[in-house]
Amino acid sequence: MKPYPSDWEPIYIETETSEKNEKAGYAQKKNLYGLTKEQFLELAEMQNFACAICNGDSSDAPYRLCVDHNYETNEIRGLLCSKCNAALGFFDDNPIRLRKAVDYILLASTGVFIPETGSKGIV
């Protein structure tokens, strides 16, 4: 458990529930990928307990990292945060679609701007 300053009362204190979540996370990795807790933690340590894409830190709860693998070969590529793992899934692990998405973000422009009224969308 993390040490807290003596004058600070945390809203969230680690409980039995978080321990159950941790056990369930490692059990899932064993069931789905055949990885023991030790093997998984070795992979996490190789990545400095961070997502392989965004480098988001998971050192406080490495079991939350997702195992990313190649669906054709079943080779484990690395460990990802849930957002990066979902993003790859939405793009069907298709590098052409991912490159097009990057190009779109970098190059797309309509010249139309959303008014700064606090509303969402074009009025």
C-alpha atoms as a PDB file:
ATOM      1  CA  MET A   1       0.000   0.000   0.000  1.00  0.00           C
ATOM      2  CA  LYS A   2       1.219   3.534  -0.785  1.00  0.00           C
ATOM      3  CA  PRO A   3       2.314   5.678   2.157  1.00  0.00           C
ATOM      4  CA  TYR A   4       0.252   8.849   2.611  1.00  0.00           C
ATOM      5  CA  PRO A   5       1.198  12.028   4.480  1.00  0.00           C
ATOM      6  CA  SER A   6      -0.033  11.885   8.083  1.00  0.00           C
ATOM      7  CA  ASP A   7      -2.199  15.005   7.651  1.00  0.00           C
ATOM      8  CA  TRP A   8      -3.905  13.764   4.503  1.00  0.00           C
ATOM      9  CA  GLU A   9      -6.912  11.485   4.516  1.00  0.00           C
ATOM     10  CA  PRO A  10      -7.203   9.656   1.191  1.00  0.00           C
ATOM     11  CA  ILE A  11     -10.616   9.319  -0.408  1.00  0.00           C
ATOM     12  CA  TYR A  12      -9.618   5.968  -1.896  1.00  0.00           C
ATOM     13  CA  ILE A  13      -7.798   3.432   0.226  1.00  0.00           C
ATOM     14  CA  GLU A  14      -6.677   0.143  -1.279  1.00  0.00           C
ATOM     15  CA  THR A  15      -8.981  -2.584  -0.059  1.00  0.00           C
ATOM     16  CA  GLU A  16      -9.637  -6.253  -0.470  1.00  0.00           C
ATOM     17  CA  THR A  17     -11.472  -5.345  -3.693  1.00  0.00           C
ATOM     18  CA  SER A  18      -8.276  -4.033  -5.303  1.00  0.00           C
ATOM     19  CA  GLU A  19      -6.482  -7.216  -4.227  1.00  0.00           C
ATOM     20  CA  LYS A  20      -9.256  -9.262  -5.847  1.00  0.00           C
ATOM     21  CA  ASN A  21      -8.946  -7.167  -9.029  1.00  0.00           C
ATOM     22  CA  GLU A  22      -5.199  -7.780  -9.085  1.00  0.00           C
ATOM     23  CA  LYS A  23      -5.623 -11.540  -8.658  1.00  0.00           C
ATOM     24  CA  ALA A  24      -8.323 -11.589 -11.328  1.00  0.00           C
ATOM     25  CA  GLY A  25      -6.110  -9.590 -13.708  1.00  0.00           C
ATOM     26  CA  TYR A  26      -3.241 -12.050 -13.415  1.00  0.00           C
ATOM     27  CA  ALA A  27      -5.611 -15.041 -13.627  1.00  0.00           C
ATOM     28  CA  GLN A  28      -7.060 -13.643 -16.862  1.00  0.00           C
ATOM     29  CA  LYS A  29      -3.581 -13.294 -18.378  1.00  0.00           C
ATOM     30  CA  LYS A  30      -2.844 -16.902 -17.412  1.00  0.00           C
ATOM     31  CA  ASN A  31      -6.128 -18.169 -18.892  1.00  0.00           C
ATOM     32  CA  LEU A  32      -5.986 -16.152 -22.121  1.00  0.00           C
ATOM     33  CA  TYR A  33      -2.270 -16.065 -22.901  1.00  0.00           C
ATOM     34  CA  GLY A  34      -0.679 -18.751 -20.715  1.00  0.00           C
ATOM     35  CA  LEU A  35       1.400 -16.123 -18.904  1.00  0.00           C
ATOM     36  CA  THR A  36       2.227 -16.631 -15.265  1.00  0.00           C
ATOM     37  CA  LYS A  37       2.245 -13.603 -13.000  1.00  0.00           C
ATOM     38  CA  GLU A  38       6.046 -13.742 -12.976  1.00  0.00           C
ATOM     39  CA  GLN A  39       6.294 -13.872 -16.786  1.00  0.00           C
ATOM     40  CA  PHE A  40       3.851 -10.983 -17.116  1.00  0.00           C
ATOM     41  CA  LEU A  41       5.753  -8.871 -14.574  1.00  0.00           C
ATOM     42  CA  GLU A  42       8.997  -9.622 -16.424  1.00  0.00           C
ATOM     43  CA  LEU A  43       7.426  -8.244 -19.630  1.00  0.00           C
ATOM     44  CA  ALA A  44       6.124  -5.213 -17.724  1.00  0.00           C
ATOM     45  CA  GLU A  45       9.573  -4.580 -16.250  1.00  0.00           C
ATOM     46  CA  MET A  46      11.144  -4.764 -19.737  1.00  0.00           C
ATOM     47  CA  GLN A  47       8.776  -1.909 -20.691  1.00  0.00           C
ATOM     48  CA  ASN A  48       9.474   0.025 -17.468  1.00  0.00           C
ATOM     49  CA  PHE A  49       5.891  -0.702 -16.357  1.00  0.00           C
ATOM     50  CA  ALA A  50       4.546   1.572 -19.089  1.00  0.00           C
ATOM     51  CA  CYS A  51       2.393   1.263 -22.192  1.00  0.00           C
ATOM     52  CA  ALA A  52       4.500   0.387 -25.245  1.00  0.00           C
ATOM     53  CA  ILE A  53       2.722   3.049 -27.327  1.00  0.00           C
ATOM     54  CA  CYS A  54       1.912   6.081 -25.148  1.00  0.00           C
ATOM     55  CA  ASN A  55       4.393   5.340 -22.355  1.00  0.00           C
ATOM     56  CA  GLY A  56       1.639   5.776 -19.751  1.00  0.00           C
ATOM     57  CA  ASP A  57       2.934   4.681 -16.354  1.00  0.00           C
ATOM     58  CA  SER A  58       1.338   1.615 -14.750  1.00  0.00           C
ATOM     59  CA  SER A  59       3.918   0.921 -12.069  1.00  0.00           C
ATOM     60  CA  ASP A  60       1.265   1.242  -9.346  1.00  0.00           C
ATOM     61  CA  ALA A  61      -0.943  -1.429 -10.984  1.00  0.00           C
ATOM     62  CA  PRO A  62       0.914  -3.314 -13.732  1.00  0.00           C
ATOM     63  CA  TYR A  63      -1.809  -5.985 -13.880  1.00  0.00           C
ATOM     64  CA  ARG A  64      -3.983  -3.386 -15.642  1.00  0.00           C
ATOM     65  CA  LEU A  65      -1.738  -3.425 -18.720  1.00  0.00           C
ATOM     66  CA  CYS A  66      -3.243  -5.358 -21.633  1.00  0.00           C
ATOM     67  CA  VAL A  67      -1.373  -8.101 -23.461  1.00  0.00           C
ATOM     68  CA  ASP A  68      -1.154  -7.143 -27.138  1.00  0.00           C
ATOM     69  CA  HIS A  69      -0.508  -9.984 -29.545  1.00  0.00           C
ATOM     70  CA  ASN A  70      -0.452 -10.741 -33.236  1.00  0.00           C
ATOM     71  CA  TYR A  71      -3.704 -12.563 -34.002  1.00  0.00           C
ATOM     72  CA  GLU A  72      -2.141 -14.495 -36.901  1.00  0.00           C
ATOM     73  CA  THR A  73       1.006 -15.751 -35.140  1.00  0.00           C
ATOM     74  CA  ASN A  74      -0.108 -15.428 -31.479  1.00  0.00           C
ATOM     75  CA  GLU A  75       3.227 -13.770 -30.704  1.00  0.00           C
ATOM     76  CA  ILE A  76       3.026 -11.249 -27.876  1.00  0.00           C
ATOM     77  CA  ARG A  77       4.015  -7.813 -29.181  1.00  0.00           C
ATOM     78  CA  GLY A  78       3.986  -6.001 -25.867  1.00  0.00           C
ATOM     79  CA  LEU A  79       1.848  -4.540 -23.112  1.00  0.00           C
ATOM     80  CA  LEU A  80      -0.520  -1.629 -23.698  1.00  0.00           C
ATOM     81  CA  CYS A  81      -2.798   0.594 -21.659  1.00  0.00           C
ATOM     82  CA  SER A  82      -6.488  -0.026 -22.260  1.00  0.00           C
ATOM     83  CA  LYS A  83      -6.892   3.069 -24.475  1.00  0.00           C
ATOM     84  CA  CYS A  84      -4.037   2.154 -26.833  1.00  0.00           C
ATOM     85  CA  ASN A  85      -5.144  -1.483 -26.897  1.00  0.00           C
ATOM     86  CA  ALA A  86      -8.700  -0.466 -27.809  1.00  0.00           C
ATOM     87  CA  ALA A  87      -7.434   1.944 -30.490  1.00  0.00           C
ATOM     88  CA  LEU A  88      -5.465  -0.827 -32.214  1.00  0.00           C
ATOM     89  CA  GLY A  89      -8.527  -3.037 -31.996  1.00  0.00           C
ATOM     90  CA  PHE A  90     -10.764  -0.397 -33.595  1.00  0.00           C
ATOM     91  CA  PHE A  91      -8.291  -0.179 -36.466  1.00  0.00           C
ATOM     92  CA  ASP A  92      -8.248  -4.001 -36.772  1.00  0.00           C
ATOM     93  CA  ASP A  93      -4.446  -3.959 -36.325  1.00  0.00           C
ATOM     94  CA  ASN A  94      -4.310  -2.676 -39.912  1.00  0.00           C
ATOM     95  CA  PRO A  95      -1.152  -0.565 -40.436  1.00  0.00           C
ATOM     96  CA  ILE A  96      -2.535   1.044 -43.609  1.00  0.00           C
ATOM     97  CA  ARG A  97      -5.615   2.294 -41.748  1.00  0.00           C
ATOM     98  CA  LEU A  98      -3.419   3.505 -38.886  1.00  0.00           C
ATOM     99  CA  ARG A  99      -1.136   5.413 -41.293  1.00  0.00           C
ATOM    100  CA  LYS A 100      -4.182   6.973 -42.931  1.00  0.00           C
ATOM    101  CA  ALA A 101      -5.462   8.018 -39.511  1.00  0.00           C
ATOM    102  CA  VAL A 102      -2.096   9.650 -38.699  1.00  0.00           C
ATOM    103  CA  ASP A 103      -2.087  11.447 -42.054  1.00  0.00           C
ATOM    104  CA  TYR A 104      -5.642  12.598 -41.428  1.00  0.00           C
ATOM    105  CA  ILE A 105      -4.764  14.048 -38.022  1.00  0.00           C
ATOM    106  CA  LEU A 106      -1.662  15.776 -39.369  1.00  0.00           C
ATOM    107  CA  LEU A 107      -2.977  17.009 -42.715  1.00  0.00           C
ATOM    108  CA  ALA A 108      -6.758  17.271 -42.750  1.00  0.00           C
ATOM    109  CA  SER A 109      -8.225  20.751 -42.669  1.00  0.00           C
ATOM    110  CA  THR A 110     -11.609  22.035 -43.797  1.00  0.00           C
ATOM    111  CA  GLY A 111     -10.991  25.704 -43.030  1.00  0.00           C
ATOM    112  CA  VAL A 112     -14.237  25.711 -41.059  1.00  0.00           C
ATOM    113  CA  PHE A 113     -13.909  26.567 -37.387  1.00  0.00           C
ATOM    114  CA  ILE A 114     -16.244  25.899 -34.498  1.00  0.00           C
ATOM    115  CA  PRO A 115     -17.454  29.148 -32.911  1.00  0.00           C
ATOM    116  CA  GLU A 116     -16.131  29.775 -29.412  1.00  0.00           C
ATOM    117  CA  THR A 117     -19.544  29.789 -27.771  1.00  0.00           C
ATOM    118  CA  GLY A 118     -19.006  26.843 -25.490  1.00  0.00           C
ATOM    119  CA  SER A 119     -21.455  24.766 -27.494  1.00  0.00           C
ATOM    120  CA  LYS A 120     -20.394  21.544 -29.155  1.00  0.00           C
ATOM    121  CA  GLY A 121     -20.538  21.227 -32.892  1.00  0.00           C
ATOM    122  CA  ILE A 122     -21.204  23.721 -35.676  1.00  0.00           C
ATOM    123  CA  VAL A 123     -24.136  26.069 -35.129  1.00  0.00           C
END
